Amino acid sequence: MVIHTIKRKLSGRRDQADRARDHLANERTYLAWLRTAVNVMVLGLVVAKFITDNGNRAEIAGILLVGIGFLLLIYGTYRTGRLTSELETGTFETDRGGPIVIGGLVLAGMVIAALLLFL
């Protein structure tokens, strides 16, 4: 009986440690989304402010990059909230479409911004 109680307590601690590790990993992932979004927005501001050769095209490219960064921030925040609630309920569904769509939008935006700047 005593051994069973000790095993249950150790199992509870292990479950709690696993849960904390999952939440901390989710937080680190959110910080990566946040860092990436801020970097893309800063790149957009730099393009809009310091590239003067292309006139309005540089401003449009900069605004596009800031918009992409804002989309990254919104998606990262949404994804973190959804994952947090899934971790709390113990259910997890793999998000297959979201990262592909966001990656495609970022790639398309970067290509359009580069075309505006260099053509």
Protein backbone atom coordinates (compact mmCIF):
# COMPACT_ATOMS: atom_id res chain seq x y z
CA MET A 1 0.00 0.00 0.00
CA VAL A 2 2.77 2.45 0.90
CA ILE A 3 4.68 1.62 -2.31
CA HIS A 4 1.53 2.23 -4.37
CA THR A 5 1.05 5.66 -2.72
CA ILE A 6 4.68 6.60 -3.38
CA LYS A 7 4.39 5.55 -7.02
CA ARG A 8 1.22 7.62 -7.43
CA LYS A 9 2.92 10.71 -5.94
CA LEU A 10 5.94 10.28 -8.20
CA SER A 11 3.68 9.78 -11.21
CA GLY A 12 1.80 12.99 -10.36
CA ARG A 13 5.04 14.93 -10.14
CA ARG A 14 6.18 13.49 -13.45
CA ASP A 15 2.88 14.46 -15.09
CA GLN A 16 3.16 17.95 -13.64
CA ALA A 17 6.73 18.28 -14.92
CA ASP A 18 5.68 17.10 -18.38
CA ARG A 19 2.83 19.59 -18.42
CA ALA A 20 5.11 22.45 -17.35
CA ARG A 21 7.64 21.45 -20.02
CA ASP A 22 4.91 21.49 -22.68
CA HIS A 23 3.69 24.94 -21.64
CA LEU A 24 7.22 26.32 -21.57
CA ALA A 25 7.88 24.90 -25.04
CA ASN A 26 4.67 26.55 -26.24
CA GLU A 27 5.84 29.86 -24.76
CA ARG A 28 9.25 29.57 -26.46
CA THR A 29 7.51 28.91 -29.76
CA TYR A 30 5.36 32.00 -29.28
CA LEU A 31 8.45 34.07 -28.56
CA ALA A 32 9.95 32.80 -31.83
CA TRP A 33 6.79 33.86 -33.70
CA LEU A 34 6.95 37.25 -31.97
CA ARG A 35 10.63 37.74 -32.76
CA THR A 36 10.11 36.83 -36.42
CA ALA A 37 7.10 39.13 -36.73
CA VAL A 38 8.96 42.06 -35.20
CA ASN A 39 11.98 41.46 -37.46
CA VAL A 40 9.82 41.45 -40.59
CA MET A 41 8.05 44.64 -39.47
CA VAL A 42 11.36 46.37 -38.74
CA LEU A 43 12.64 45.29 -42.17
CA GLY A 44 9.53 46.89 -43.68
CA LEU A 45 10.15 50.13 -41.81
CA VAL A 46 13.79 50.18 -42.90
CA VAL A 47 12.82 49.57 -46.54
CA ALA A 48 10.18 52.30 -46.45
CA LYS A 49 12.39 54.83 -44.70
CA PHE A 50 15.89 54.35 -46.10
CA ILE A 51 15.48 53.18 -49.69
CA THR A 52 14.93 56.35 -51.65
CA ASP A 53 15.83 55.23 -55.18
CA ASN A 54 12.45 53.64 -55.94
CA GLY A 55 10.13 56.36 -54.63
CA ASN A 56 6.66 55.09 -53.80
CA ARG A 57 7.54 51.51 -54.66
CA ALA A 58 9.84 51.30 -51.62
CA GLU A 59 7.06 52.64 -49.40
CA ILE A 60 4.61 50.08 -50.80
CA ALA A 61 7.15 47.28 -50.26
CA GLY A 62 7.74 48.50 -46.70
CA ILE A 63 4.02 48.62 -45.92
CA LEU A 64 3.66 45.12 -47.38
CA LEU A 65 6.43 43.80 -45.12
CA VAL A 66 4.91 45.47 -42.05
CA GLY A 67 1.58 43.86 -42.95
CA ILE A 68 3.21 40.46 -43.29
CA GLY A 69 4.84 40.89 -39.89
CA PHE A 70 1.47 41.81 -38.40
CA LEU A 71 -0.09 38.67 -39.92
CA LEU A 72 2.70 36.58 -38.39
CA LEU A 73 2.04 38.16 -35.01
CA ILE A 74 -1.71 37.49 -35.22
CA TYR A 75 -1.22 33.88 -36.34
CA GLY A 76 1.44 33.20 -33.69
CA THR A 77 -0.82 34.60 -30.97
CA TYR A 78 -3.81 32.59 -32.22
CA ARG A 79 -1.76 29.40 -32.46
CA THR A 80 -0.32 29.84 -28.97
CA GLY A 81 -3.76 30.38 -27.45
CA ARG A 82 -5.17 27.35 -29.24
CA LEU A 83 -2.25 25.18 -28.18
CA THR A 84 -2.51 26.36 -24.59
CA SER A 85 -6.16 25.34 -24.42
CA GLU A 86 -5.34 21.99 -26.07
CA LEU A 87 -2.61 21.38 -23.50
CA GLU A 88 -5.03 22.21 -20.69
CA THR A 89 -7.71 19.83 -21.99
CA GLY A 90 -5.28 17.09 -22.94
CA THR A 91 -6.28 17.05 -26.62
CA PHE A 92 -3.89 17.87 -29.41
CA GLU A 93 -4.61 18.24 -33.09
CA THR A 94 -1.80 18.76 -35.56
CA ASP A 95 -2.09 22.03 -37.46
CA ARG A 96 -1.21 21.07 -41.01
CA GLY A 97 -2.74 23.91 -43.00
CA GLY A 98 -1.86 26.97 -40.93
CA PRO A 99 1.92 26.93 -41.23
CA ILE A 100 1.71 26.14 -44.95
CA VAL A 101 -0.69 29.03 -45.61
CA ILE A 102 1.36 31.45 -43.50
CA GLY A 103 4.59 30.30 -45.14
CA GLY A 104 3.06 30.77 -48.58
CA LEU A 105 1.81 34.26 -47.71
CA VAL A 106 5.19 35.27 -46.32
CA LEU A 107 6.99 33.93 -49.38
CA ALA A 108 4.58 35.66 -51.76
CA GLY A 109 4.88 38.94 -49.85
CA MET A 110 8.67 38.79 -49.85
CA VAL A 111 8.75 38.07 -53.58
CA ILE A 112 6.37 40.95 -54.30
CA ALA A 113 8.41 43.29 -52.09
CA ALA A 114 11.62 42.24 -53.87
CA LEU A 115 10.00 42.77 -57.27
CA LEU A 116 8.85 46.25 -56.20
CA LEU A 117 12.35 47.13 -55.04
CA PHE A 118 14.52 45.65 -57.74
CA LEU A 119 12.49 45.91 -60.96
